[in-house]
Amino acid sequence: MSLMSTFIVLIALVFQISGCATIINGSVESIEIYSTAENTNVYVNDEYLGQAGPQTPLEITIPKRGQINIVGKKEECREYETEIKRTIDPTTLLGVFIDGGIVSILLIDNLGTGAIKRAREISYTLEMVCRT
């Protein structure tokens, strides 16, 4: 194989390292969390991240891979828990034009980075039930 052929193959492989969804949208995303009660403590996967309210969202960054649970806690209120639902990121389908989707979609976006999916919604509201 000539030096030029080797160079072209290496360039092609570099472009295959990331799938379309990973290149365009990344492997993390931002969502906003609101609460029906002021100053609700927000926990994501058991880690305290801050407070949210009806007019004051908490913006967080979450990975596109793995299960994400959000819990709202506040004195005098019932704890509220929800899970981030996922959907296919349409950008992933661009990988069909690159390599038929074999490497870019199945291996990179799905198994490698998890960027094949995204949160179904960009805003979540914790429906707190509090004593009045």
Protein backbone atom coordinates (compact mmCIF):
# COMPACT_ATOMS: atom_id res chain seq x y z
CA MET A 1 0.00 0.00 0.00
CA SER A 2 1.43 3.38 -0.95
CA LEU A 3 1.93 6.22 1.50
CA MET A 4 -0.95 8.18 -0.06
CA SER A 5 -3.33 5.21 0.21
CA THR A 6 -2.38 4.72 3.85
CA PHE A 7 -2.98 8.42 4.52
CA ILE A 8 -6.45 8.32 2.89
CA VAL A 9 -7.40 5.21 4.89
CA LEU A 10 -6.26 6.89 8.14
CA ILE A 11 -8.30 10.01 7.37
CA ALA A 12 -11.37 7.87 6.66
CA LEU A 13 -10.90 6.04 9.97
CA VAL A 14 -10.63 9.31 11.90
CA PHE A 15 -14.00 10.38 10.52
CA GLN A 16 -15.48 7.04 11.60
CA ILE A 17 -14.40 7.45 15.23
CA SER A 18 -17.50 9.54 15.93
CA GLY A 19 -21.02 8.98 14.69
CA CYS A 20 -23.22 11.76 13.35
CA ALA A 21 -25.22 12.26 16.54
CA THR A 22 -22.02 12.43 18.58
CA ILE A 23 -20.38 14.94 16.22
CA ILE A 24 -23.41 17.22 15.85
CA ASN A 25 -25.14 16.98 19.25
CA GLY A 26 -22.51 15.49 21.57
CA SER A 27 -22.94 12.73 24.15
CA VAL A 28 -24.52 14.99 26.81
CA GLU A 29 -27.54 17.30 26.74
CA SER A 30 -29.11 20.05 28.83
CA ILE A 31 -32.58 19.89 30.35
CA GLU A 32 -34.54 22.21 32.62
CA ILE A 33 -36.30 21.09 35.76
CA TYR A 34 -39.20 23.08 37.22
CA SER A 35 -41.21 22.41 40.36
CA THR A 36 -44.75 23.36 41.31
CA ALA A 37 -43.41 24.30 44.78
CA GLU A 38 -40.80 27.00 45.42
CA ASN A 39 -37.31 25.93 46.52
CA THR A 40 -37.74 22.23 45.84
CA ASN A 41 -34.51 20.30 46.34
CA VAL A 42 -33.64 18.41 43.16
CA TYR A 43 -31.70 15.16 43.15
CA VAL A 44 -30.52 13.42 39.99
CA ASN A 45 -29.50 9.78 40.49
CA ASP A 46 -29.31 10.45 44.26
CA GLU A 47 -27.00 13.46 43.85
CA TYR A 48 -28.23 16.88 45.05
CA LEU A 49 -27.96 19.39 42.20
CA GLY A 50 -29.83 22.45 43.42
CA GLN A 51 -33.30 23.94 43.79
CA ALA A 52 -36.13 24.57 41.36
CA GLY A 53 -39.47 26.36 41.46
CA PRO A 54 -42.36 27.37 39.18
CA GLN A 55 -40.46 30.37 37.76
CA THR A 56 -36.90 29.31 38.56
CA PRO A 57 -35.79 26.25 36.60
CA LEU A 58 -32.71 24.26 37.44
CA GLU A 59 -30.70 23.65 34.27
CA ILE A 60 -28.63 20.48 34.33
CA THR A 61 -26.47 18.55 31.91
CA ILE A 62 -27.12 14.82 31.65
CA PRO A 63 -25.41 12.05 29.69
CA LYS A 64 -27.35 10.60 26.79
CA ARG A 65 -26.41 7.14 28.02
CA GLY A 66 -27.83 5.44 31.08
CA GLN A 67 -30.90 5.79 33.24
CA ILE A 68 -31.59 9.20 34.78
CA ASN A 69 -33.92 9.52 37.80
CA ILE A 70 -35.03 12.91 39.08
CA VAL A 71 -36.39 13.31 42.61
CA GLY A 72 -37.94 16.42 44.15
CA LYS A 73 -37.89 16.80 47.94
CA LYS A 74 -39.29 19.53 50.16
CA GLU A 75 -40.50 19.69 53.75
CA GLU A 76 -44.27 19.46 54.05
CA CYS A 77 -44.47 17.91 50.56
CA ARG A 78 -44.68 14.39 49.22
CA GLU A 79 -41.51 13.29 47.43
CA TYR A 80 -41.90 13.28 43.64
CA GLU A 81 -39.87 10.99 41.38
CA THR A 82 -39.68 10.72 37.61
CA GLU A 83 -37.41 9.06 35.07
CA ILE A 84 -36.09 10.68 31.90
CA LYS A 85 -37.71 8.96 28.93
CA ARG A 86 -35.59 8.63 25.81
CA THR A 87 -36.25 8.76 22.08
CA ILE A 88 -34.06 8.21 19.02
CA ASP A 89 -32.02 11.26 18.01
CA PRO A 90 -32.87 11.79 14.31
CA THR A 91 -29.36 13.10 13.65
CA THR A 92 -28.13 9.53 14.15
CA LEU A 93 -29.78 8.49 10.89
CA LEU A 94 -27.29 10.58 8.92
CA GLY A 95 -24.85 7.72 9.56
CA VAL A 96 -26.70 5.73 6.90
CA PHE A 97 -25.12 8.00 4.28
CA ILE A 98 -21.61 7.59 5.70
CA ASP A 99 -21.23 3.85 6.08
CA GLY A 100 -24.70 2.38 5.86
CA GLY A 101 -25.00 2.94 9.61
CA ILE A 102 -22.90 -0.09 10.51
CA VAL A 103 -20.06 1.71 12.29
CA SER A 104 -21.43 5.21 12.86
CA ILE A 105 -24.86 4.24 14.21
CA LEU A 106 -24.49 0.77 15.73
CA LEU A 107 -20.98 0.95 17.12
CA ILE A 108 -20.27 4.63 17.79
CA ASP A 109 -23.60 6.34 18.52
CA ASN A 110 -25.24 3.31 20.17
CA LEU A 111 -22.57 1.27 21.93
CA GLY A 112 -19.80 3.87 22.20
CA THR A 113 -21.29 7.20 23.25
CA GLY A 114 -25.01 6.56 23.72
CA ALA A 115 -25.73 9.55 21.49
CA ILE A 116 -28.25 7.49 19.51
CA LYS A 117 -30.86 8.58 22.08
CA ARG A 118 -31.88 11.89 23.59
CA ALA A 119 -34.29 13.01 26.27
CA ARG A 120 -37.87 12.98 24.99
CA GLU A 121 -38.43 16.43 26.50
CA ILE A 122 -36.13 19.33 27.33
CA SER A 123 -38.21 20.51 30.28
CA TYR A 124 -39.56 18.51 33.24
CA THR A 125 -41.90 19.66 36.02
CA LEU A 126 -41.86 18.07 39.45
CA GLU A 127 -45.51 17.94 40.51
CA MET A 128 -45.11 18.44 44.25
CA VAL A 129 -48.10 17.74 46.51
CA CYS A 130 -47.75 19.83 49.65
CA ARG A 131 -49.77 20.36 52.80
CA THR A 132 -51.55 23.68 52.78
